[in-house]
Protein backbone atom coordinates (compact mmCIF):
# COMPACT_ATOMS: atom_id res chain seq x y z
CA UNK A 1 100.26 -70.87 130.35
CA UNK A 2 101.41 -67.35 131.15
CA UNK A 3 102.45 -64.88 128.52
CA UNK A 4 106.04 -64.89 129.80
CA UNK A 5 106.21 -68.69 129.56
CA UNK A 6 104.87 -68.64 126.00
CA UNK A 7 107.30 -65.90 124.94
CA UNK A 8 110.22 -67.80 126.48
CA UNK A 9 109.41 -71.06 124.66
CA UNK A 10 108.63 -69.30 121.40
CA UNK A 11 111.97 -67.51 121.78
CA UNK A 12 113.66 -70.91 121.84
CA UNK A 13 111.97 -71.82 118.54
CA UNK A 14 108.80 -73.71 119.61
CA UNK A 15 105.39 -72.78 118.21
CA UNK A 16 102.55 -71.67 120.51
CA UNK A 17 100.87 -75.08 120.13
CA UNK A 18 104.13 -76.92 120.89
CA UNK A 19 104.74 -74.60 123.84
CA UNK A 20 101.35 -75.53 125.33
CA UNK A 21 102.14 -79.19 125.00
CA UNK A 22 105.53 -78.71 126.67
CA UNK A 23 103.96 -76.82 129.58
CA UNK A 24 101.36 -79.59 130.02
CA UNK A 25 104.15 -82.15 130.41
CA UNK A 26 106.47 -80.00 132.55
CA UNK A 27 106.58 -78.54 136.04
CA UNK A 28 106.90 -74.81 136.69
CA UNK A 29 108.74 -74.15 139.93
CA UNK A 30 109.41 -70.94 141.88
CA UNK A 31 112.73 -70.41 143.71
CA UNK A 32 113.36 -67.56 146.21
CA UNK A 33 116.59 -65.60 146.10
CA UNK A 34 119.69 -67.60 147.24
CA UNK A 35 117.82 -70.92 147.20
CA UNK A 36 119.67 -73.94 145.78
CA UNK A 37 118.08 -75.28 142.59
CA UNK A 38 120.46 -78.15 141.85
CA UNK A 39 123.21 -79.82 143.85
CA UNK A 40 125.17 -83.07 143.49
CA UNK A 41 124.61 -85.81 142.68
CA UNK A 42 123.20 -84.73 139.31
CA UNK A 43 120.99 -87.17 137.43
CA UNK A 44 120.67 -85.17 134.23
CA UNK A 45 116.96 -86.14 134.05
CA UNK A 46 115.70 -82.56 133.56
CA UNK A 47 116.54 -79.44 131.66
CA UNK A 48 115.58 -76.16 133.36
CA UNK A 49 114.35 -73.26 131.24
CA UNK A 50 114.38 -69.84 132.95
CA UNK A 51 111.01 -68.08 132.55
CA UNK A 52 112.01 -65.12 134.72
CA UNK A 53 114.82 -64.35 137.13
CA UNK A 54 118.40 -65.57 137.01
CA UNK A 55 120.75 -68.25 138.38
CA UNK A 56 124.47 -68.71 138.96
CA UNK A 57 126.58 -71.85 138.67
CA UNK A 58 129.06 -72.23 141.54
CA UNK A 59 132.12 -74.44 141.83
CA UNK A 60 132.97 -75.63 145.35
CA UNK A 61 136.59 -76.72 145.86
CA UNK A 62 138.13 -79.01 148.47
CA UNK A 63 138.41 -76.09 150.93
CA UNK A 64 134.64 -75.53 150.59
CA UNK A 65 135.22 -72.19 148.85
CA UNK A 66 132.58 -71.06 146.35
CA UNK A 67 133.59 -69.57 142.98
CA UNK A 68 131.07 -68.30 140.44
CA UNK A 69 131.71 -69.79 137.01
CA UNK A 70 128.56 -68.92 135.02
CA UNK A 71 125.30 -66.94 135.02
CA UNK A 72 122.06 -67.72 133.15
CA UNK A 73 119.07 -65.40 132.69
CA UNK A 74 115.57 -65.23 131.13
CA UNK A 75 115.19 -67.49 128.08
CA UNK A 76 118.33 -69.56 128.80
CA UNK A 77 118.45 -73.15 130.01
CA UNK A 78 120.76 -75.47 131.97
CA UNK A 79 121.17 -78.93 133.48
CA UNK A 80 123.16 -80.17 136.47
CA UNK A 81 126.73 -81.07 135.47
CA UNK A 82 129.22 -83.14 137.44
CA UNK A 83 132.89 -83.41 136.45
CA UNK A 84 134.61 -86.60 137.49
CA UNK A 85 138.07 -85.42 136.40
CA UNK A 86 138.01 -82.13 138.33
CA UNK A 87 138.34 -81.83 142.16
CA UNK A 88 135.25 -79.63 142.37
CA UNK A 89 131.54 -80.01 142.93
CA UNK A 90 129.02 -77.64 141.40
CA UNK A 91 125.64 -76.34 142.40
CA UNK A 92 123.08 -73.99 140.84
CA UNK A 93 121.60 -71.18 142.96
CA UNK A 94 118.96 -68.49 142.31
CA UNK A 95 120.46 -65.01 142.42
CA UNK A 96 117.01 -63.41 142.45
CA UNK A 97 113.40 -64.69 142.78
CA UNK A 98 113.12 -67.01 139.77
CA UNK A 99 110.48 -69.04 137.97
CA UNK A 100 111.79 -72.09 136.07
CA UNK A 101 110.17 -74.65 133.77
CA UNK A 102 111.46 -78.16 134.53
CA UNK A 103 111.31 -80.28 131.36
CA UNK A 104 111.95 -84.01 131.65
CA UNK A 105 114.62 -85.15 129.19
CA UNK A 106 112.96 -88.57 128.70
CA UNK A 107 109.66 -86.99 127.70
CA UNK A 108 111.43 -84.66 125.26
CA UNK A 109 113.30 -87.58 123.69
CA UNK A 110 110.06 -89.59 123.49
CA UNK A 111 108.39 -86.69 121.74
CA UNK A 112 111.07 -86.37 119.06
CA UNK A 113 110.25 -89.35 116.80
CA UNK A 114 106.73 -88.06 116.07
CA UNK A 115 107.58 -84.39 116.38
CA UNK A 116 107.73 -81.96 113.52
CA UNK A 117 111.02 -81.11 111.83
CA UNK A 118 111.06 -77.70 113.55
CA UNK A 119 110.66 -79.23 117.02
CA UNK A 120 113.38 -81.77 116.26
CA UNK A 121 115.67 -78.93 115.18
CA UNK A 122 114.92 -76.92 118.34
CA UNK A 123 115.54 -79.96 120.54
CA UNK A 124 118.72 -80.80 118.66
CA UNK A 125 119.92 -77.21 119.16
CA UNK A 126 119.13 -77.49 122.89
CA UNK A 127 121.09 -80.76 123.22
CA UNK A 128 124.06 -79.27 121.37
CA UNK A 129 123.80 -76.15 123.51
CA UNK A 130 123.88 -78.23 126.68
CA UNK A 131 126.97 -80.09 125.43
CA UNK A 132 128.71 -76.79 124.72
CA UNK A 133 127.54 -75.51 128.09
CA UNK A 134 129.14 -78.46 129.82
CA UNK A 135 132.40 -77.98 127.93
CA UNK A 136 132.50 -74.27 128.79
CA UNK A 137 131.77 -74.92 132.45
CA UNK A 138 134.44 -77.60 132.59
CA UNK A 139 136.96 -75.19 131.05
CA UNK A 140 135.92 -72.39 133.42
CA UNK A 141 136.26 -74.63 136.48
CA UNK A 142 139.70 -75.83 135.40
CA UNK A 143 140.88 -72.26 134.86
CA UNK A 144 139.50 -70.99 138.16
CA UNK A 145 140.95 -73.99 139.99
CA UNK A 146 144.35 -73.26 138.46
CA UNK A 147 144.13 -69.59 139.45
CA UNK A 148 143.03 -70.53 142.98
CA UNK A 149 145.90 -73.01 143.36
CA UNK A 150 148.45 -70.46 142.20
CA UNK A 151 147.09 -67.74 144.49
CA UNK A 152 147.18 -70.17 147.39
CA UNK A 153 150.80 -71.03 146.59
CA UNK A 154 151.67 -67.33 146.53
CA UNK A 155 150.14 -66.80 149.97
CA UNK A 156 151.47 -69.97 151.64
CA UNK A 157 154.98 -70.12 150.09
CA UNK A 158 155.94 -66.51 149.27
CA UNK A 159 159.66 -67.32 149.06
CA UNK A 160 159.46 -70.52 146.94
CA UNK A 161 159.42 -68.89 143.51
CA UNK A 162 160.58 -71.93 141.51
CA UNK A 163 157.70 -74.09 142.73
CA UNK A 164 155.18 -71.41 141.82
CA UNK A 165 156.64 -70.68 138.37
CA UNK A 166 156.69 -74.38 137.55
CA UNK A 167 152.99 -74.61 138.43
CA UNK A 168 152.20 -71.59 136.26
CA UNK A 169 153.93 -72.88 133.11
CA UNK A 170 152.37 -76.32 133.52
CA UNK A 171 148.87 -74.84 133.87
CA UNK A 172 149.52 -72.41 131.00
CA UNK A 173 150.48 -75.25 128.67
CA UNK A 174 147.64 -77.59 129.70
CA UNK A 175 144.80 -75.07 129.88
CA UNK A 176 145.82 -73.20 126.70
CA UNK A 177 146.34 -76.35 124.60
CA UNK A 178 150.05 -75.55 124.13
CA UNK A 179 152.92 -77.95 123.58
CA UNK A 180 155.43 -75.74 125.34
CA UNK A 181 155.33 -72.90 127.89
CA UNK A 182 157.99 -70.83 129.59
CA UNK A 183 158.63 -67.82 131.81
CA UNK A 184 161.52 -65.44 131.14
CA UNK A 185 162.73 -62.78 133.56
CA UNK A 186 164.67 -59.58 132.92
CA UNK A 187 168.30 -59.65 134.13
CA UNK A 188 169.86 -56.27 133.31
CA UNK A 189 169.77 -56.16 129.48
CA UNK A 190 169.07 -59.89 129.01
CA UNK A 191 166.11 -62.24 129.37
CA UNK A 192 166.69 -65.48 131.29
CA UNK A 193 164.51 -68.61 131.08
CA UNK A 194 163.50 -69.28 134.72
CA UNK A 195 160.70 -71.85 134.25
CA UNK A 196 159.78 -74.22 131.42
CA UNK A 197 157.25 -76.95 130.63
CA UNK A 198 157.03 -79.14 127.53
CA UNK A 199 159.12 -81.38 125.29
CA UNK A 200 160.85 -78.68 123.21
CA UNK A 201 164.64 -78.54 123.63
CA UNK A 202 164.69 -74.88 122.61
CA UNK A 203 165.74 -72.50 125.40
CA UNK A 204 166.35 -74.66 128.50
CA UNK A 205 166.14 -73.19 132.01
CA UNK A 206 169.01 -70.78 132.56
CA UNK A 207 169.27 -69.87 128.86
CA UNK A 208 169.96 -66.15 128.41
CA UNK A 209 169.53 -63.77 125.48
CA UNK A 210 169.96 -60.03 124.96
CA UNK A 211 166.69 -58.09 124.95
CA UNK A 212 165.73 -56.64 121.55
CA UNK A 213 162.76 -56.29 119.21
CA UNK A 214 164.32 -58.83 116.82
CA UNK A 215 162.71 -61.81 118.56
CA UNK A 216 159.13 -62.30 119.77
CA UNK A 217 159.64 -62.45 123.55
CA UNK A 218 162.23 -59.68 123.41
CA UNK A 219 159.80 -57.45 121.52
CA UNK A 220 157.09 -58.20 124.09
CA UNK A 221 159.38 -56.88 126.85
CA UNK A 222 160.58 -53.85 124.88
CA UNK A 223 157.06 -52.82 123.78
CA UNK A 224 155.47 -54.03 127.05
CA UNK A 225 152.52 -55.63 125.23
CA UNK A 226 151.29 -59.08 124.21
CA UNK A 227 152.21 -60.53 120.80
CA UNK A 228 150.24 -63.23 118.93
CA UNK A 229 152.00 -64.93 115.99
CA UNK A 230 149.74 -67.36 114.16
CA UNK A 231 152.58 -69.11 112.31
CA UNK A 232 156.11 -68.10 113.28
CA UNK A 233 157.57 -70.29 110.53
CA UNK A 234 155.95 -67.91 108.02
CA UNK A 235 157.32 -64.74 109.67
CA UNK A 236 160.84 -64.81 108.21
CA UNK A 237 160.77 -61.13 107.25
CA UNK A 238 159.52 -59.87 110.65
CA UNK A 239 161.36 -62.38 112.89
CA UNK A 240 164.06 -64.03 110.75
CA UNK A 241 165.88 -65.71 113.65
CA UNK A 242 162.65 -66.77 115.35
CA UNK A 243 161.31 -68.25 112.13
CA UNK A 244 164.54 -70.23 111.80
CA UNK A 245 164.18 -71.63 115.30
CA UNK A 246 160.51 -72.44 114.61
CA UNK A 247 161.39 -74.43 111.49
CA UNK A 248 164.17 -76.27 113.33
CA UNK A 249 162.18 -77.16 116.46
CA UNK A 250 158.70 -77.42 114.92
CA UNK A 251 156.64 -74.82 116.74
CA UNK A 252 154.13 -72.68 114.80
CA UNK A 253 151.70 -70.54 116.82
CA UNK A 254 153.33 -68.36 119.52
CA UNK A 255 151.73 -66.10 122.15
CA UNK A 256 153.65 -63.95 124.63
CA UNK A 257 152.41 -61.82 127.55
CA UNK A 258 154.60 -59.31 129.45
CA UNK A 259 155.06 -59.41 133.21
CA UNK A 260 154.66 -55.77 134.22
CA UNK A 261 155.38 -53.90 137.43
CA UNK A 262 154.45 -50.20 137.57
CA UNK A 263 154.18 -50.06 133.78
CA UNK A 264 157.61 -51.66 133.13
CA UNK A 265 158.11 -55.20 131.79
CA UNK A 266 160.15 -57.40 134.13
CA UNK A 267 159.73 -60.56 132.06
CA UNK A 268 157.23 -62.51 129.93
CA UNK A 269 155.16 -65.71 129.71
CA UNK A 270 155.22 -67.52 126.36
CA UNK A 271 153.34 -70.51 124.96
CA UNK A 272 154.09 -72.40 121.73
CA UNK A 273 152.09 -74.86 119.62
CA UNK A 274 153.36 -77.35 117.08
CA UNK A 275 150.33 -76.56 114.92
CA UNK A 276 148.77 -73.42 113.51
CA UNK A 277 145.88 -72.67 115.88
CA UNK A 278 144.94 -69.18 117.10
CA UNK A 279 144.95 -68.54 120.85
CA UNK A 280 141.38 -67.83 121.97
CA UNK A 281 140.37 -64.69 123.87
CA UNK A 282 139.61 -66.77 126.99
CA UNK A 283 143.06 -68.33 126.82
CA UNK A 284 144.60 -64.87 126.42
CA UNK A 285 142.66 -63.64 129.46
CA UNK A 286 143.89 -66.63 131.44
CA UNK A 287 147.52 -65.97 130.46
CA UNK A 288 147.12 -62.31 131.42
CA UNK A 289 145.83 -63.46 134.82
CA UNK A 290 148.83 -65.80 135.15
CA UNK A 291 151.06 -62.85 134.22
CA UNK A 292 149.62 -60.78 137.07
CA UNK A 293 150.11 -63.67 139.49
CA UNK A 294 153.72 -64.28 138.44
CA UNK A 295 154.47 -60.57 138.81
CA UNK A 296 153.04 -60.67 142.35
CA UNK A 297 155.13 -63.73 143.17
CA UNK A 298 158.37 -62.20 141.84
CA UNK A 299 157.66 -58.99 143.73
CA UNK A 300 156.89 -60.96 146.91
CA UNK A 301 160.24 -62.77 146.72
CA UNK A 302 162.07 -59.51 146.15
CA UNK A 303 160.30 -57.91 149.10
CA UNK A 304 160.82 -61.03 151.22
CA UNK A 305 164.58 -60.92 150.60
CA UNK A 306 164.75 -57.20 151.31
CA UNK A 307 162.84 -57.70 154.55
CA UNK A 308 165.28 -60.42 155.62
CA UNK A 309 168.21 -58.13 154.87
CA UNK A 310 166.62 -55.27 156.79
CA UNK A 311 165.78 -57.58 159.68
CA UNK A 312 169.44 -58.58 159.89
CA UNK A 313 170.48 -54.92 159.79
CA UNK A 314 167.98 -54.01 162.47
CA UNK A 315 169.21 -56.86 164.70
CA UNK A 316 172.78 -55.60 164.34
CA UNK A 317 171.66 -52.09 165.29
CA UNK A 318 169.50 -53.22 168.21
CA UNK A 319 172.51 -53.35 170.53
CA UNK A 320 173.16 -49.66 169.91
CA UNK A 321 169.68 -48.65 171.03
CA UNK A 322 169.96 -49.85 174.66
CA UNK A 323 170.24 -46.38 176.24
CA UNK A 324 167.42 -44.72 174.33
CA UNK A 325 164.20 -43.69 176.01
CA UNK A 326 161.72 -46.41 176.93
CA UNK A 327 159.00 -45.34 174.56
CA UNK A 328 161.21 -45.40 171.47
CA UNK A 329 162.79 -48.69 172.52
CA UNK A 330 159.35 -50.30 172.89
CA UNK A 331 158.19 -49.09 169.48
CA UNK A 332 161.34 -50.12 167.67
CA UNK A 333 161.31 -53.57 169.30
CA UNK A 334 157.64 -53.96 168.35
CA UNK A 335 158.36 -53.07 164.73
CA UNK A 336 161.41 -55.37 164.53
CA UNK A 337 159.24 -58.27 165.70
CA UNK A 338 156.61 -57.41 163.08
CA UNK A 339 159.19 -57.04 160.32
CA UNK A 340 160.42 -60.58 160.99
CA UNK A 341 156.89 -61.92 160.54
CA UNK A 342 155.65 -60.07 157.49
CA UNK A 343 156.55 -61.06 153.95
CA UNK A 344 155.86 -57.74 152.29
CA UNK A 345 158.23 -54.80 152.25
CA UNK A 346 155.39 -52.26 151.91
CA UNK A 347 154.03 -53.19 155.29
CA UNK A 348 157.46 -52.85 156.94
CA UNK A 349 158.12 -49.46 155.39
CA UNK A 350 154.65 -48.17 156.27
CA UNK A 351 155.14 -49.15 159.91
CA UNK A 352 158.52 -47.38 160.04
CA UNK A 353 157.03 -44.29 158.41
CA UNK A 354 154.18 -44.27 160.93
CA UNK A 355 156.71 -44.36 163.77
CA UNK A 356 158.49 -41.30 162.43
CA UNK A 357 155.24 -39.45 161.77
CA UNK A 358 154.18 -40.14 165.35
CA UNK A 359 157.36 -38.34 166.48
CA UNK A 360 156.29 -35.19 164.62
CA UNK A 361 153.53 -32.87 165.85
CA UNK A 362 150.12 -34.35 165.09
CA UNK A 363 148.65 -30.87 164.54
CA UNK A 364 149.96 -27.39 163.84
CA UNK A 365 149.37 -25.25 166.95
CA UNK A 366 147.13 -22.20 166.82
CA UNK A 367 149.12 -19.16 167.99
CA UNK A 368 147.38 -15.82 168.32
CA UNK A 369 148.43 -13.30 165.67
CA UNK A 370 150.18 -15.85 163.43
CA UNK A 371 149.42 -18.40 160.73
CA UNK A 372 151.70 -21.48 160.87
CA UNK A 373 152.28 -24.41 158.49
CA UNK A 374 154.89 -27.20 158.34
CA UNK A 375 155.56 -30.31 156.28
CA UNK A 376 158.35 -32.86 155.87
CA UNK A 377 158.93 -35.17 152.88
CA UNK A 378 161.60 -37.85 153.51
CA UNK A 379 163.92 -38.94 150.69
CA UNK A 380 163.25 -42.51 151.76
CA UNK A 381 160.19 -43.85 153.50
CA UNK A 382 161.82 -42.66 156.72
CA UNK A 383 164.35 -39.85 157.12
CA UNK A 384 166.35 -37.62 159.45
CA UNK A 385 164.59 -34.25 159.13
CA UNK A 386 162.22 -33.10 161.86
CA UNK A 387 160.30 -30.10 163.13
CA UNK A 388 158.51 -29.36 166.38
CA UNK A 389 156.33 -26.79 168.13
CA UNK A 390 156.54 -26.50 171.94
CA UNK A 391 154.05 -24.13 173.66
CA UNK A 392 155.83 -22.33 176.53
CA UNK A 393 153.08 -19.93 177.64
CA UNK A 394 150.07 -18.09 176.21
CA UNK A 395 152.38 -15.63 174.47
CA UNK A 396 155.46 -17.82 173.75
CA UNK A 397 155.92 -20.66 171.28
CA UNK A 398 159.18 -22.56 170.67
CA UNK A 399 159.75 -23.53 167.02
CA UNK A 400 162.43 -26.05 166.00
CA UNK A 401 163.66 -27.48 162.72
CA UNK A 402 166.50 -29.99 162.38
CA UNK A 403 168.44 -32.11 159.92
CA UNK A 404 170.35 -35.29 160.90
CA UNK A 405 173.46 -35.90 158.80
CA UNK A 406 172.29 -39.29 157.52
CA UNK A 407 169.28 -40.92 155.82
CA UNK A 408 166.95 -43.86 156.29
CA UNK A 409 166.51 -45.83 159.52
CA UNK A 410 169.68 -44.61 161.39
CA UNK A 411 168.80 -40.98 160.73
CA UNK A 412 165.17 -41.49 161.78
CA UNK A 413 166.17 -43.15 165.03
CA UNK A 414 168.78 -40.46 165.80
CA UNK A 415 166.17 -37.80 164.97
CA UNK A 416 163.77 -39.32 167.50
CA UNK A 417 166.44 -39.21 170.19
CA UNK A 418 167.32 -35.57 169.39
CA UNK A 419 163.66 -34.58 169.52
CA UNK A 420 163.26 -36.22 172.94
CA UNK A 421 166.29 -34.33 174.30
CA UNK A 422 165.05 -31.09 172.77
CA UNK A 423 161.65 -31.39 174.44
CA UNK A 424 163.28 -32.34 177.76
CA UNK A 425 165.49 -29.21 177.75
CA UNK A 426 162.99 -26.63 176.43
CA UNK A 427 161.20 -24.72 179.20
CA UNK A 428 159.73 -21.28 179.72
CA UNK A 429 162.50 -18.84 180.60
CA UNK A 430 165.32 -20.95 179.15
CA UNK A 431 166.99 -19.35 176.10
CA UNK A 432 167.33 -21.24 172.81
CA UNK A 433 171.10 -21.16 173.23
CA UNK A 434 170.95 -22.87 176.65
CA UNK A 435 168.54 -25.48 175.32
CA UNK A 436 170.85 -26.45 172.43
CA UNK A 437 173.87 -26.59 174.73
CA UNK A 438 171.96 -29.06 176.93
CA UNK A 439 170.95 -31.18 173.93
CA UNK A 440 174.58 -31.23 172.77
CA UNK A 441 175.74 -32.58 176.13
CA UNK A 442 173.23 -35.45 175.93
CA UNK A 443 174.30 -36.33 172.39
CA UNK A 444 178.02 -36.38 173.27
CA UNK A 445 177.29 -38.95 175.99
CA UNK A 446 175.34 -41.30 173.69
CA UNK A 447 176.56 -40.70 170.15
CA UNK A 448 179.45 -43.04 169.23
CA UNK A 449 178.67 -43.19 165.52
CA UNK A 450 179.77 -39.66 164.56
CA UNK A 451 176.27 -38.72 163.52
CA UNK A 452 175.53 -35.04 164.01
CA UNK A 453 172.51 -32.79 163.63
CA UNK A 454 171.90 -29.17 162.65
CA UNK A 455 169.09 -27.37 164.46
CA UNK A 456 167.48 -23.97 164.45
CA UNK A 457 165.53 -23.32 167.65
CA UNK A 458 163.63 -20.08 168.19
CA UNK A 459 161.03 -18.61 170.53
CA UNK A 460 158.23 -16.51 169.00
CA UNK A 461 156.53 -13.98 171.30
CA UNK A 462 153.16 -12.72 170.10
CA UNK A 463 153.27 -9.76 172.44
CA UNK A 464 156.63 -8.31 171.40
CA UNK A 465 156.35 -9.80 167.85
CA UNK A 466 159.99 -10.87 168.28
CA UNK A 467 161.54 -14.15 167.14
CA UNK A 468 164.66 -15.01 169.18
CA UNK A 469 166.66 -17.92 167.80
CA UNK A 470 169.91 -19.86 167.95
CA UNK A 471 171.26 -21.59 164.88
CA UNK A 472 173.38 -24.75 165.45
CA UNK A 473 174.88 -25.15 161.98
CA UNK A 474 171.45 -24.83 160.33
CA UNK A 475 170.31 -22.70 157.39
CA UNK A 476 169.40 -19.07 158.10
CA UNK A 477 165.71 -18.12 158.27
CA UNK A 478 164.23 -16.32 155.24
CA UNK A 479 162.17 -13.20 156.04
CA UNK A 480 159.73 -11.84 153.41
CA UNK A 481 157.62 -8.70 153.85
CA UNK A 482 154.06 -8.29 152.56
CA UNK A 483 155.37 -6.85 149.25
CA UNK A 484 157.58 -9.88 148.55
CA UNK A 485 160.89 -8.24 149.45
CA UNK A 486 163.42 -10.57 151.10
CA UNK A 487 165.40 -9.34 154.10
CA UNK A 488 168.98 -10.56 154.54
CA UNK A 489 169.57 -11.77 158.12
CA UNK A 490 172.86 -11.67 160.01
CA UNK A 491 174.74 -14.96 159.89
CA UNK A 492 175.93 -15.47 163.46
CA UNK A 493 178.09 -18.29 164.74
CA UNK A 494 176.59 -21.72 165.17
CA UNK A 495 178.07 -25.23 165.20
CA UNK A 496 176.25 -28.53 164.67
CA UNK A 497 175.30 -30.63 167.70
CA UNK A 498 176.91 -33.95 168.64
CA UNK A 499 180.45 -33.03 167.55
CA UNK A 500 182.11 -30.42 169.80
CA UNK A 501 182.42 -30.43 173.60
CA UNK A 502 182.38 -26.65 173.67
CA UNK A 503 179.90 -25.10 171.30
CA UNK A 504 180.13 -21.69 169.72
CA UNK A 505 176.56 -20.43 169.41
CA UNK A 506 175.10 -16.98 168.87
CA UNK A 507 171.61 -15.84 169.72
CA UNK A 508 169.85 -13.61 167.16
CA UNK A 509 166.43 -12.03 166.92
CA UNK A 510 164.17 -10.07 164.55
CA UNK A 511 160.64 -8.72 164.48
CA UNK A 512 157.95 -10.78 162.71
CA UNK A 513 155.03 -8.40 162.20
CA UNK A 514 153.13 -6.30 159.63
CA UNK A 515 152.08 -9.34 157.53
CA UNK A 516 155.69 -10.43 157.11
CA UNK A 517 156.51 -14.12 156.70
CA UNK A 518 159.35 -16.29 158.02
CA UNK A 519 160.41 -19.44 156.17
CA UNK A 520 162.60 -22.12 157.86
CA UNK A 521 163.91 -25.03 155.78
CA UNK A 522 166.42 -27.86 155.55
CA UNK A 523 169.14 -28.20 152.91
CA UNK A 524 167.12 -30.86 151.07
CA UNK A 525 165.32 -27.89 149.47
CA UNK A 526 168.34 -25.88 148.34
CA UNK A 527 170.62 -28.85 147.50
CA UNK A 528 168.11 -30.58 145.17
CA UNK A 529 169.78 -31.09 141.77
CA UNK A 530 168.49 -31.55 138.24
CA UNK A 531 169.75 -33.57 135.31
CA UNK A 532 172.45 -30.93 134.61
CA UNK A 533 173.73 -31.24 138.19
CA UNK A 534 172.46 -27.74 139.00
CA UNK A 535 171.16 -27.04 142.50
CA UNK A 536 167.78 -25.49 143.21
CA UNK A 537 169.72 -23.23 145.53
CA UNK A 538 168.82 -20.40 147.86
CA UNK A 539 167.92 -18.28 144.83
CA UNK A 540 165.31 -20.82 143.77
CA UNK A 541 163.79 -20.73 147.24
CA UNK A 542 163.80 -16.92 147.41
CA UNK A 543 162.31 -16.60 143.93
CA UNK A 544 159.46 -18.97 144.86
CA UNK A 545 158.49 -17.47 148.23
CA UNK A 546 158.93 -13.82 147.15
CA UNK A 547 156.33 -14.37 144.42
CA UNK A 548 153.70 -15.37 147.01
CA UNK A 549 153.70 -12.73 149.79
CA UNK A 550 149.90 -12.58 149.96
CA UNK A 551 149.32 -16.37 149.85
CA UNK A 552 148.61 -18.55 152.87
CA UNK A 553 151.60 -20.25 154.47
CA UNK A 554 150.21 -23.65 153.42
CA UNK A 555 150.14 -22.57 149.78
CA UNK A 556 153.69 -21.17 150.05
CA UNK A 557 155.12 -24.40 151.49
CA UNK A 558 153.40 -26.74 149.03
CA UNK A 559 154.34 -24.50 146.07
CA UNK A 560 157.96 -24.66 147.26
CA UNK A 561 157.81 -28.48 147.22
CA UNK A 562 156.28 -28.39 143.71
CA UNK A 563 159.02 -26.04 142.50
CA UNK A 564 161.74 -28.36 143.82
CA UNK A 565 160.10 -31.43 142.23
CA UNK A 566 159.85 -29.58 138.91
CA UNK A 567 163.52 -28.63 139.15
CA UNK A 568 164.53 -32.27 139.80
CA UNK A 569 162.38 -33.47 136.89
CA UNK A 570 162.79 -37.27 136.60
CA UNK A 571 165.60 -37.55 139.14
CA UNK A 572 164.81 -39.17 142.51
CA UNK A 573 164.71 -37.07 145.67
CA UNK A 574 168.21 -37.16 147.18
CA UNK A 575 167.62 -35.68 150.64
CA UNK A 576 164.78 -35.11 153.10
CA UNK A 577 162.90 -31.83 152.60
CA UNK A 578 161.28 -29.88 155.44
CA UNK A 579 159.68 -26.42 155.43
CA UNK A 580 158.09 -24.31 158.19
CA UNK A 581 156.34 -21.03 157.32
CA UNK A 582 155.06 -18.51 159.87
CA UNK A 583 153.18 -15.36 158.87
CA UNK A 584 152.07 -12.43 161.01
CA UNK A 585 148.36 -11.92 160.36
CA UNK A 586 147.41 -9.56 163.20
CA UNK A 587 144.76 -10.04 165.88
């Protein structure tokens, strides 16, 4: 007998002499990693004591999926267990090289009549331990089977919420030894019973009550945390109305778990017992898991409905896209087809956002003598702001920034069309004014929805250090010298594109040199408001950029976004925000 074997048996309560006798009448087996130790059918003829190594107990469901339900290590023991009332089989597998002592149950039982009192006690403890082990494994399998069934229902029937909620409350009641279970969902300032299981007539499906801390489930939602009441009938001072209901309908122990999304309670699961019996930690964990699953299901239905609505909207708009360029038409059609197939709004919005990002420059161009940075943050997942850089020659770079007078999908699609026209019209030797006049003509032919766009298009020459631009209804550039002083630029004439047959446009220019910096922006920056309805304004922009004349253009732009977000505080972003910064850095 090895030292490890002796220590293991002594650790179970046997003496050294008894341990030797056990080893003489047992078999010591070695199992490599991942080898199966026991599989159905189980005879229960042997108990396995782990000398070294470790094993896992796996449940295999009807889909042949394996789920780990228990682990055993050095000094612990197990037998094969089969559960006739559960649609699972189980097997035991080594999770590392393991050495096990196989002890025949018949021999152990034969030994007991003439064994010492201490051996009888150890054996009795082992038998009781195996009974408890079986009960725990049975409970674990039932819980994991319930969780698996619910997850499968979520994935296969994302829009059938009632079926899923009914399954959850039934499993919650049965697996948590409760007489009654229910799910309540937030509806404005009320909670509504949306699923129920059990004989209690209290709170039928559809019952509604105002949310407050005066009743248990209401307090769970307000405080966004679980509540365990051992005997609600005895809680008259804390929950007077709830205690009254408990006395009338007979329930005693109550446990509630919030359904939370992004830290906010959107409902709760509750179980009730007609006896005073504390809810165990395992049962609480199970209910918390159910809570997570119900939250996912509710969110899936919400997203599923939103996707259907957006799919309908996109179908209605598809007829208006017939004359757009082939590339955009292909991408939009591809995304519409995907949106009709997916059941999650996040996926749909991510795809739309990727489309818009693909319309923007993938990289900021390197232009000799200048440092350039740009960024756009849409108010929604997609928006109508855009910027572009079009190299014209080694010493000329066209820079554009625009703002479509709309938000969301229509603005993003219109923005893509404008950008295509802008790139088609911009060529070396063609002035910004002529380019914008050409873009305007294209828009007047295609735009029947009265959507317009403001654009500032300029050409930067790194030889002359001159920036020549035309402003079609867009905000003026901001020019800051290396000391932080802001130069006021002349506000020439400039009308938005897509509205007037004959445009009035001026062409302006200024020198961008000597470490000076130019900032171009959309009105989402200046028009951002705070809780007092005060705009960030041009003064907010000037104050921010004038404090950073020596910083990199990337730092200036991101600090400007941070300043706007700080100004808005908790309010949502109302409009798209875009910033381009160009600084003369010399050669």
